[in-house]
Amino acid sequence: MNTTEKKKILSTLFIPFLFLLLMWLVKIIEVNFQISFVRYGVFPQTIDGLKGILFSPFIHKDFTHLINNSYPILILGGMLFAIYRKIATQLFVWLYFIAGFWLWVIGRPSFHIGASGLIYALASFLLVSGIIRKNPRLTAVSMLVIFLYGSMIWGLLPTKGPISWEGHLAGFIAGILVAIFYRNEGPKPKKYQWEIDEEIEEELLKNNIQNFHYTIKTEDKPN
């Protein structure tokens, strides 16, 4: 592996890994100092609960909750930054805040914590964006997301348990909205040489027809 490839991998994983590091740091601080940051989660439909939009994805109930959210952040985040390299940071930020905002709008009156909303937003974006762009490469990514995380669809269903299905739904909605908004930006479908040749031939034919019509009109003018 050469230096250029190493730099690409590092740049692809930098933000997802930094996000993951902060998640673990928060939990380690909670455990070591025997404190809880749950009050910094999203508390829907309250002004004070708005702060959770910024902080809640870094807060987790326990290490099991944290571990379960860790590898999807790294995998899905890595896919986002690998495929949508030039606009990935914008996408990540929009997914983050839109998912949090919709959770604040539709959530139950309780503290909602964890990065699962962002995970659903990433999965939803990669899935929907790949489908609506009609790009074979991105469609393949959509199929991969379905294969790896298709079972996540059950997390969108209402439950009376401690799981924040509203956070999952909010993230899913965020992914769809961002995918539609950015549908014309990002990686373009690869064009094969025969497609380029066809476009050139069509352009030449169009120009020849226009020139032919111009010549006829010129010849028809009286001297």
C-alpha atoms as a PDB file:
ATOM      1  CA  MET A   1       0.000   0.000   0.000  1.00  0.00           C
ATOM      2  CA  ASN A   2       1.544   3.305  -1.116  1.00  0.00           C
ATOM      3  CA  THR A   3       1.417   6.669   0.659  1.00  0.00           C
ATOM      4  CA  THR A   4      -1.429   8.014  -1.498  1.00  0.00           C
ATOM      5  CA  GLU A   5      -3.669   5.044  -0.689  1.00  0.00           C
ATOM      6  CA  LYS A   6      -2.909   5.381   3.027  1.00  0.00           C
ATOM      7  CA  LYS A   7      -3.861   9.057   2.922  1.00  0.00           C
ATOM      8  CA  LYS A   8      -7.157   8.226   1.186  1.00  0.00           C
ATOM      9  CA  ILE A   9      -8.031   5.644   3.826  1.00  0.00           C
ATOM     10  CA  LEU A  10      -7.115   8.020   6.661  1.00  0.00           C
ATOM     11  CA  SER A  11      -9.155  10.867   5.174  1.00  0.00           C
ATOM     12  CA  THR A  12     -12.100   8.501   4.645  1.00  0.00           C
ATOM     13  CA  LEU A  13     -12.143   7.270   8.237  1.00  0.00           C
ATOM     14  CA  PHE A  14     -11.002  10.450  10.008  1.00  0.00           C
ATOM     15  CA  ILE A  15     -14.388  11.970  10.891  1.00  0.00           C
ATOM     16  CA  PRO A  16     -16.173   8.636  11.603  1.00  0.00           C
ATOM     17  CA  PHE A  17     -13.254   7.578  13.827  1.00  0.00           C
ATOM     18  CA  LEU A  18     -13.159  10.967  15.589  1.00  0.00           C
ATOM     19  CA  PHE A  19     -16.902  10.696  16.204  1.00  0.00           C
ATOM     20  CA  LEU A  20     -16.420   7.172  17.554  1.00  0.00           C
ATOM     21  CA  LEU A  21     -13.600   8.353  19.815  1.00  0.00           C
ATOM     22  CA  LEU A  22     -15.803  11.049  21.327  1.00  0.00           C
ATOM     23  CA  MET A  23     -18.590   8.530  21.959  1.00  0.00           C
ATOM     24  CA  TRP A  24     -16.214   6.300  23.912  1.00  0.00           C
ATOM     25  CA  LEU A  25     -14.610   9.228  25.725  1.00  0.00           C
ATOM     26  CA  VAL A  26     -18.004  10.393  27.015  1.00  0.00           C
ATOM     27  CA  LYS A  27     -18.853   6.928  28.344  1.00  0.00           C
ATOM     28  CA  ILE A  28     -15.417   6.522  29.976  1.00  0.00           C
ATOM     29  CA  ILE A  29     -15.828   9.887  31.723  1.00  0.00           C
ATOM     30  CA  GLU A  30     -19.293   8.856  32.955  1.00  0.00           C
ATOM     31  CA  VAL A  31     -17.981   5.575  34.377  1.00  0.00           C
ATOM     32  CA  ASN A  32     -14.775   6.940  35.904  1.00  0.00           C
ATOM     33  CA  PHE A  33     -16.443   9.902  37.589  1.00  0.00           C
ATOM     34  CA  GLN A  34     -19.721   8.063  38.296  1.00  0.00           C
ATOM     35  CA  ILE A  35     -21.847  10.697  36.612  1.00  0.00           C
ATOM     36  CA  SER A  36     -24.529  10.619  33.942  1.00  0.00           C
ATOM     37  CA  PHE A  37     -25.004  12.870  30.932  1.00  0.00           C
ATOM     38  CA  VAL A  38     -28.497  11.565  30.160  1.00  0.00           C
ATOM     39  CA  ARG A  39     -29.974  14.999  30.926  1.00  0.00           C
ATOM     40  CA  TYR A  40     -28.107  16.259  27.848  1.00  0.00           C
ATOM     41  CA  GLY A  41     -30.153  14.004  25.597  1.00  0.00           C
ATOM     42  CA  VAL A  42     -32.993  15.150  23.358  1.00  0.00           C
ATOM     43  CA  PHE A  43     -36.153  15.903  25.338  1.00  0.00           C
ATOM     44  CA  PRO A  44     -38.794  16.452  22.644  1.00  0.00           C
ATOM     45  CA  GLN A  45     -40.889  19.594  22.361  1.00  0.00           C
ATOM     46  CA  THR A  46     -39.084  21.516  25.099  1.00  0.00           C
ATOM     47  CA  ILE A  47     -36.698  24.411  24.646  1.00  0.00           C
ATOM     48  CA  ASP A  48     -34.200  22.918  27.091  1.00  0.00           C
ATOM     49  CA  GLY A  49     -34.364  19.618  25.208  1.00  0.00           C
ATOM     50  CA  LEU A  50     -33.003  21.240  22.043  1.00  0.00           C
ATOM     51  CA  LYS A  51     -29.445  20.925  23.375  1.00  0.00           C
ATOM     52  CA  GLY A  52     -29.797  17.193  22.941  1.00  0.00           C
ATOM     53  CA  ILE A  53     -29.740  17.631  19.159  1.00  0.00           C
ATOM     54  CA  LEU A  54     -26.051  18.468  19.557  1.00  0.00           C
ATOM     55  CA  PHE A  55     -25.072  16.193  22.445  1.00  0.00           C
ATOM     56  CA  SER A  56     -27.313  13.102  22.465  1.00  0.00           C
ATOM     57  CA  PRO A  57     -25.488  11.045  19.774  1.00  0.00           C
ATOM     58  CA  PHE A  58     -22.410  10.927  22.041  1.00  0.00           C
ATOM     59  CA  ILE A  59     -24.331   9.652  25.095  1.00  0.00           C
ATOM     60  CA  HIS A  60     -25.150   5.971  25.635  1.00  0.00           C
ATOM     61  CA  LYS A  61     -26.921   4.005  28.323  1.00  0.00           C
ATOM     62  CA  ASP A  62     -24.149   1.429  28.851  1.00  0.00           C
ATOM     63  CA  PHE A  63     -21.221  -0.196  27.067  1.00  0.00           C
ATOM     64  CA  THR A  64     -23.497  -2.670  25.267  1.00  0.00           C
ATOM     65  CA  HIS A  65     -25.472   0.227  23.814  1.00  0.00           C
ATOM     66  CA  LEU A  66     -22.201   1.950  22.899  1.00  0.00           C
ATOM     67  CA  ILE A  67     -20.660  -1.110  21.231  1.00  0.00           C
ATOM     68  CA  ASN A  68     -23.800  -1.779  19.211  1.00  0.00           C
ATOM     69  CA  ASN A  69     -23.647   1.766  17.820  1.00  0.00           C
ATOM     70  CA  SER A  70     -19.888   1.846  17.307  1.00  0.00           C
ATOM     71  CA  TYR A  71     -19.279  -0.418  14.319  1.00  0.00           C
ATOM     72  CA  PRO A  72     -22.219   0.923  12.210  1.00  0.00           C
ATOM     73  CA  ILE A  73     -20.907   4.476  12.674  1.00  0.00           C
ATOM     74  CA  LEU A  74     -17.484   3.399  11.441  1.00  0.00           C
ATOM     75  CA  ILE A  75     -18.789   1.276   8.556  1.00  0.00           C
ATOM     76  CA  LEU A  76     -21.579   3.535   7.286  1.00  0.00           C
ATOM     77  CA  GLY A  77     -19.606   6.703   7.982  1.00  0.00           C
ATOM     78  CA  GLY A  78     -16.623   5.243   6.138  1.00  0.00           C
ATOM     79  CA  MET A  79     -18.842   4.382   3.168  1.00  0.00           C
ATOM     80  CA  LEU A  80     -20.232   7.925   3.103  1.00  0.00           C
ATOM     81  CA  PHE A  81     -16.781   9.546   3.104  1.00  0.00           C
ATOM     82  CA  ALA A  82     -15.371   7.045   0.607  1.00  0.00           C
ATOM     83  CA  ILE A  83     -18.144   7.453  -1.965  1.00  0.00           C
ATOM     84  CA  TYR A  84     -19.254  11.079  -1.522  1.00  0.00           C
ATOM     85  CA  ARG A  85     -15.766  12.354  -0.776  1.00  0.00           C
ATOM     86  CA  LYS A  86     -16.177  15.998  -1.856  1.00  0.00           C
ATOM     87  CA  ILE A  87     -19.507  16.629  -0.116  1.00  0.00           C
ATOM     88  CA  ALA A  88     -19.344  14.012   2.649  1.00  0.00           C
ATOM     89  CA  THR A  89     -18.751  16.509   5.465  1.00  0.00           C
ATOM     90  CA  GLN A  90     -21.786  18.561   4.407  1.00  0.00           C
ATOM     91  CA  LEU A  91     -23.887  15.407   4.207  1.00  0.00           C
ATOM     92  CA  PHE A  92     -22.747  14.193   7.619  1.00  0.00           C
ATOM     93  CA  VAL A  93     -23.562  17.515   9.282  1.00  0.00           C
ATOM     94  CA  TRP A  94     -27.010  17.753   7.662  1.00  0.00           C
ATOM     95  CA  LEU A  95     -27.861  14.157   8.555  1.00  0.00           C
ATOM     96  CA  TYR A  96     -26.716  14.764  12.130  1.00  0.00           C
ATOM     97  CA  PHE A  97     -28.826  17.857  12.779  1.00  0.00           C
ATOM     98  CA  ILE A  98     -31.906  16.952  10.734  1.00  0.00           C
ATOM     99  CA  ALA A  99     -32.157  13.574  12.480  1.00  0.00           C
ATOM    100  CA  GLY A 100     -31.862  15.288  15.862  1.00  0.00           C
ATOM    101  CA  PHE A 101     -34.400  17.949  14.985  1.00  0.00           C
ATOM    102  CA  TRP A 102     -37.041  15.458  13.795  1.00  0.00           C
ATOM    103  CA  LEU A 103     -36.515  13.423  16.941  1.00  0.00           C
ATOM    104  CA  TRP A 104     -37.181  16.583  18.964  1.00  0.00           C
ATOM    105  CA  VAL A 105     -40.393  17.083  16.943  1.00  0.00           C
ATOM    106  CA  ILE A 106     -41.879  13.576  17.067  1.00  0.00           C
ATOM    107  CA  GLY A 107     -40.319  11.950  20.145  1.00  0.00           C
ATOM    108  CA  ARG A 108     -42.024  10.856  23.356  1.00  0.00           C
ATOM    109  CA  PRO A 109     -41.578  13.103  26.442  1.00  0.00           C
ATOM    110  CA  SER A 110     -38.430  11.410  27.674  1.00  0.00           C
ATOM    111  CA  PHE A 111     -34.656  11.791  27.289  1.00  0.00           C
ATOM    112  CA  HIS A 112     -33.482  10.200  24.034  1.00  0.00           C
ATOM    113  CA  ILE A 113     -29.797   9.300  23.788  1.00  0.00           C
ATOM    114  CA  GLY A 114     -27.485   7.378  21.481  1.00  0.00           C
ATOM    115  CA  ALA A 115     -26.153   7.514  17.940  1.00  0.00           C
ATOM    116  CA  SER A 116     -28.755   5.176  16.455  1.00  0.00           C
ATOM    117  CA  GLY A 117     -30.656   8.074  14.868  1.00  0.00           C
ATOM    118  CA  LEU A 118     -27.514   9.102  12.974  1.00  0.00           C
ATOM    119  CA  ILE A 119     -26.892   5.468  12.014  1.00  0.00           C
ATOM    120  CA  TYR A 120     -30.387   5.224  10.518  1.00  0.00           C
ATOM    121  CA  ALA A 121     -29.797   8.532   8.735  1.00  0.00           C
ATOM    122  CA  LEU A 122     -26.549   7.268   7.186  1.00  0.00           C
ATOM    123  CA  ALA A 123     -28.111   3.948   6.148  1.00  0.00           C
ATOM    124  CA  SER A 124     -31.198   5.652   4.730  1.00  0.00           C
ATOM    125  CA  PHE A 125     -29.147   8.185   2.782  1.00  0.00           C
ATOM    126  CA  LEU A 126     -26.848   5.559   1.253  1.00  0.00           C
ATOM    127  CA  LEU A 127     -29.842   3.402   0.356  1.00  0.00           C
ATOM    128  CA  VAL A 128     -32.095   6.076  -1.162  1.00  0.00           C
ATOM    129  CA  SER A 129     -29.330   8.071  -2.833  1.00  0.00           C
ATOM    130  CA  GLY A 130     -28.055   4.999  -4.633  1.00  0.00           C
ATOM    131  CA  ILE A 131     -31.513   4.191  -5.950  1.00  0.00           C
ATOM    132  CA  ILE A 132     -32.629   7.633  -7.147  1.00  0.00           C
ATOM    133  CA  ARG A 133     -29.326   8.468  -8.874  1.00  0.00           C
ATOM    134  CA  LYS A 134     -29.537   5.420 -11.187  1.00  0.00           C
ATOM    135  CA  ASN A 135     -25.789   4.979 -10.818  1.00  0.00           C
ATOM    136  CA  PRO A 136     -24.742   1.292 -10.985  1.00  0.00           C
ATOM    137  CA  ARG A 137     -21.962   1.815  -8.454  1.00  0.00           C
ATOM    138  CA  LEU A 138     -24.224   3.564  -5.969  1.00  0.00           C
ATOM    139  CA  THR A 139     -27.024   1.066  -6.560  1.00  0.00           C
ATOM    140  CA  ALA A 140     -24.556  -1.638  -5.554  1.00  0.00           C
ATOM    141  CA  VAL A 141     -23.928   0.305  -2.348  1.00  0.00           C
ATOM    142  CA  SER A 142     -27.692   0.409  -1.744  1.00  0.00           C
ATOM    143  CA  MET A 143     -27.873  -3.361  -2.115  1.00  0.00           C
ATOM    144  CA  LEU A 144     -24.961  -3.746   0.303  1.00  0.00           C
ATOM    145  CA  VAL A 145     -26.706  -1.555   2.874  1.00  0.00           C
ATOM    146  CA  ILE A 146     -29.864  -3.652   2.540  1.00  0.00           C
ATOM    147  CA  PHE A 147     -27.825  -6.828   2.972  1.00  0.00           C
ATOM    148  CA  LEU A 148     -25.947  -5.563   6.035  1.00  0.00           C
ATOM    149  CA  TYR A 149     -28.652  -3.505   7.741  1.00  0.00           C
ATOM    150  CA  GLY A 150     -31.961  -4.573   6.208  1.00  0.00           C
ATOM    151  CA  SER A 151     -33.178  -5.817   9.575  1.00  0.00           C
ATOM    152  CA  MET A 152     -32.994  -2.247  10.873  1.00  0.00           C
ATOM    153  CA  ILE A 153     -36.405  -1.652   9.299  1.00  0.00           C
ATOM    154  CA  TRP A 154     -37.992  -3.262  12.369  1.00  0.00           C
ATOM    155  CA  GLY A 155     -36.504  -0.509  14.489  1.00  0.00           C
ATOM    156  CA  LEU A 156     -38.870   1.972  12.832  1.00  0.00           C
ATOM    157  CA  LEU A 157     -41.919   0.344  14.369  1.00  0.00           C
ATOM    158  CA  PRO A 158     -43.462   1.871  17.533  1.00  0.00           C
ATOM    159  CA  THR A 159     -42.579   0.187  20.800  1.00  0.00           C
ATOM    160  CA  LYS A 160     -43.328   0.880  24.434  1.00  0.00           C
ATOM    161  CA  GLY A 161     -39.873  -0.269  25.488  1.00  0.00           C
ATOM    162  CA  PRO A 162     -36.813   1.881  26.234  1.00  0.00           C
ATOM    163  CA  ILE A 163     -35.673   1.799  22.601  1.00  0.00           C
ATOM    164  CA  SER A 164     -36.179   5.143  20.870  1.00  0.00           C
ATOM    165  CA  TRP A 165     -37.976   4.057  17.716  1.00  0.00           C
ATOM    166  CA  GLU A 166     -38.726   7.761  17.159  1.00  0.00           C
ATOM    167  CA  GLY A 167     -34.990   8.396  16.896  1.00  0.00           C
ATOM    168  CA  HIS A 168     -34.710   5.633  14.298  1.00  0.00           C
ATOM    169  CA  LEU A 169     -37.637   7.035  12.320  1.00  0.00           C
ATOM    170  CA  ALA A 170     -36.281  10.581  12.547  1.00  0.00           C
ATOM    171  CA  GLY A 171     -32.927   9.407  11.210  1.00  0.00           C
ATOM    172  CA  PHE A 172     -34.579   7.473   8.407  1.00  0.00           C
ATOM    173  CA  ILE A 173     -36.557  10.562   7.372  1.00  0.00           C
ATOM    174  CA  ALA A 174     -33.404  12.702   7.530  1.00  0.00           C
ATOM    175  CA  GLY A 175     -31.596  10.309   5.185  1.00  0.00           C
ATOM    176  CA  ILE A 176     -34.392  10.456   2.622  1.00  0.00           C
ATOM    177  CA  LEU A 177     -34.602  14.272   2.722  1.00  0.00           C
ATOM    178  CA  VAL A 178     -30.845  14.758   2.334  1.00  0.00           C
ATOM    179  CA  ALA A 179     -30.656  12.149  -0.455  1.00  0.00           C
ATOM    180  CA  ILE A 180     -33.344  14.005  -2.421  1.00  0.00           C
ATOM    181  CA  PHE A 181     -31.798  17.429  -1.800  1.00  0.00           C
ATOM    182  CA  TYR A 182     -28.322  16.275  -2.922  1.00  0.00           C
ATOM    183  CA  ARG A 183     -29.546  14.026  -5.737  1.00  0.00           C
ATOM    184  CA  ASN A 184     -27.661  16.054  -8.388  1.00  0.00           C
ATOM    185  CA  GLU A 185     -24.411  16.386  -6.444  1.00  0.00           C
ATOM    186  CA  GLY A 186     -21.667  13.920  -5.700  1.00  0.00           C
ATOM    187  CA  PRO A 187     -20.236  11.081  -7.830  1.00  0.00           C
ATOM    188  CA  LYS A 188     -21.380  10.904 -11.438  1.00  0.00           C
ATOM    189  CA  PRO A 189     -22.019   7.682 -13.371  1.00  0.00           C
ATOM    190  CA  LYS A 190     -18.951   6.430 -15.189  1.00  0.00           C
ATOM    191  CA  LYS A 191     -19.203   6.854 -18.956  1.00  0.00           C
ATOM    192  CA  TYR A 192     -17.785   4.198 -21.233  1.00  0.00           C
ATOM    193  CA  GLN A 193     -15.958   5.064 -24.450  1.00  0.00           C
ATOM    194  CA  TRP A 194     -18.821   3.863 -26.639  1.00  0.00           C
ATOM    195  CA  GLU A 195     -21.194   6.247 -24.815  1.00  0.00           C
ATOM    196  CA  ILE A 196     -18.773   9.141 -25.358  1.00  0.00           C
ATOM    197  CA  ASP A 197     -18.435   8.214 -29.054  1.00  0.00           C
ATOM    198  CA  GLU A 198     -22.225   8.171 -29.435  1.00  0.00           C
ATOM    199  CA  GLU A 199     -22.520  11.611 -27.850  1.00  0.00           C
ATOM    200  CA  ILE A 200     -19.839  12.975 -30.202  1.00  0.00           C
ATOM    201  CA  GLU A 201     -21.583  11.479 -33.228  1.00  0.00           C
ATOM    202  CA  GLU A 202     -24.935  12.927 -32.138  1.00  0.00           C
ATOM    203  CA  GLU A 203     -23.379  16.360 -31.671  1.00  0.00           C
ATOM    204  CA  LEU A 204     -21.678  16.221 -35.080  1.00  0.00           C
ATOM    205  CA  LEU A 205     -24.925  15.102 -36.733  1.00  0.00           C
ATOM    206  CA  LYS A 206     -26.810  17.930 -35.009  1.00  0.00           C
ATOM    207  CA  ASN A 207     -24.236  20.486 -36.181  1.00  0.00           C
ATOM    208  CA  ASN A 208     -24.313  19.127 -39.755  1.00  0.00           C
ATOM    209  CA  ILE A 209     -28.118  19.378 -39.878  1.00  0.00           C
ATOM    210  CA  GLN A 210     -28.005  22.949 -38.568  1.00  0.00           C
ATOM    211  CA  ASN A 211     -25.350  23.881 -41.148  1.00  0.00           C
ATOM    212  CA  PHE A 212     -27.385  22.223 -43.909  1.00  0.00           C
ATOM    213  CA  HIS A 213     -30.496  24.215 -42.967  1.00  0.00           C
ATOM    214  CA  TYR A 214     -28.462  27.412 -42.826  1.00  0.00           C
ATOM    215  CA  THR A 215     -27.017  26.760 -46.304  1.00  0.00           C
ATOM    216  CA  ILE A 216     -30.465  26.148 -47.795  1.00  0.00           C
ATOM    217  CA  LYS A 217     -31.854  29.356 -46.275  1.00  0.00           C
ATOM    218  CA  THR A 218     -28.886  31.334 -47.571  1.00  0.00           C
ATOM    219  CA  GLU A 219     -29.280  29.958 -51.093  1.00  0.00           C
ATOM    220  CA  ASP A 220     -32.997  30.774 -51.093  1.00  0.00           C
ATOM    221  CA  LYS A 221     -32.399  34.478 -50.409  1.00  0.00           C
ATOM    222  CA  PRO A 222     -32.834  36.713 -53.527  1.00  0.00           C
ATOM    223  CA  ASN A 223     -29.699  38.448 -54.850  1.00  0.00           C
END
